[in-house]
């Protein structure tokens, strides 16, 4: 399970960068997507213990 969480975290970050560069995402949506990525990173870190 931790590998999937890390992959989602990375994918969310890349998606925000790409969409922001293309001017296809607003700030509210970008923050929401990054929040999902951070949550997945946190879950992954919790599962390591």
C-alpha atoms as a PDB file:
ATOM      1  CA  UNK A   1       0.000   0.000   0.000  1.00  0.00           C
ATOM      2  CA  UNK A   2       2.721   2.610   0.716  1.00  0.00           C
ATOM      3  CA  UNK A   3       3.997   2.429  -2.868  1.00  0.00           C
ATOM      4  CA  UNK A   4       0.561   3.371  -4.222  1.00  0.00           C
ATOM      5  CA  UNK A   5       0.337   6.327  -1.829  1.00  0.00           C
ATOM      6  CA  UNK A   6       3.732   7.580  -2.951  1.00  0.00           C
ATOM      7  CA  UNK A   7       2.710   7.220  -6.595  1.00  0.00           C
ATOM      8  CA  UNK A   8      -0.503   9.194  -6.006  1.00  0.00           C
ATOM      9  CA  UNK A   9       1.446  11.886  -4.184  1.00  0.00           C
ATOM     10  CA  UNK A  10       3.914  12.227  -7.037  1.00  0.00           C
ATOM     11  CA  UNK A  11       1.177  12.172  -9.680  1.00  0.00           C
ATOM     12  CA  UNK A  12      -0.799  14.914  -7.936  1.00  0.00           C
ATOM     13  CA  UNK A  13       2.268  17.148  -7.742  1.00  0.00           C
ATOM     14  CA  UNK A  14       3.161  16.599 -11.388  1.00  0.00           C
ATOM     15  CA  UNK A  15      -0.451  17.202 -12.458  1.00  0.00           C
ATOM     16  CA  UNK A  16      -0.557  20.545 -10.645  1.00  0.00           C
ATOM     17  CA  UNK A  17       2.743  21.670 -12.183  1.00  0.00           C
ATOM     18  CA  UNK A  18       1.696  20.683 -15.709  1.00  0.00           C
ATOM     19  CA  UNK A  19      -1.804  22.149 -15.477  1.00  0.00           C
ATOM     20  CA  UNK A  20      -0.482  25.337 -13.893  1.00  0.00           C
ATOM     21  CA  UNK A  21       2.100  25.738 -16.654  1.00  0.00           C
ATOM     22  CA  UNK A  22      -0.645  25.304 -19.246  1.00  0.00           C
ATOM     23  CA  UNK A  23      -2.851  27.829 -17.372  1.00  0.00           C
ATOM     24  CA  UNK A  24      -5.596  25.178 -17.127  1.00  0.00           C
ATOM     25  CA  UNK A  25      -6.073  25.132 -13.335  1.00  0.00           C
ATOM     26  CA  UNK A  26      -7.147  27.742 -10.811  1.00  0.00           C
ATOM     27  CA  UNK A  27      -5.546  28.205  -7.396  1.00  0.00           C
ATOM     28  CA  UNK A  28      -8.403  26.627  -5.403  1.00  0.00           C
ATOM     29  CA  UNK A  29      -8.320  23.434  -7.434  1.00  0.00           C
ATOM     30  CA  UNK A  30      -4.525  23.290  -7.302  1.00  0.00           C
ATOM     31  CA  UNK A  31      -4.543  23.554  -3.509  1.00  0.00           C
ATOM     32  CA  UNK A  32      -7.147  20.778  -3.284  1.00  0.00           C
ATOM     33  CA  UNK A  33      -5.107  18.476  -5.522  1.00  0.00           C
ATOM     34  CA  UNK A  34      -1.919  19.202  -3.580  1.00  0.00           C
ATOM     35  CA  UNK A  35      -3.811  18.535  -0.335  1.00  0.00           C
ATOM     36  CA  UNK A  36      -4.763  15.083  -1.598  1.00  0.00           C
ATOM     37  CA  UNK A  37      -1.128  14.442  -2.452  1.00  0.00           C
ATOM     38  CA  UNK A  38       0.056  15.550   0.996  1.00  0.00           C
ATOM     39  CA  UNK A  39      -2.585  13.356   2.653  1.00  0.00           C
ATOM     40  CA  UNK A  40      -1.329  10.351   0.677  1.00  0.00           C
ATOM     41  CA  UNK A  41       2.237  11.150   1.717  1.00  0.00           C
ATOM     42  CA  UNK A  42       1.136  11.306   5.346  1.00  0.00           C
ATOM     43  CA  UNK A  43      -0.660   7.978   5.102  1.00  0.00           C
ATOM     44  CA  UNK A  44       2.422   6.453   3.554  1.00  0.00           C
ATOM     45  CA  UNK A  45       4.624   7.759   6.373  1.00  0.00           C
ATOM     46  CA  UNK A  46       2.215   6.470   9.027  1.00  0.00           C
ATOM     47  CA  UNK A  47       2.186   3.013   7.488  1.00  0.00           C
ATOM     48  CA  UNK A  48       5.980   2.775   7.680  1.00  0.00           C
ATOM     49  CA  UNK A  49       5.962   2.601  11.514  1.00  0.00           C
END
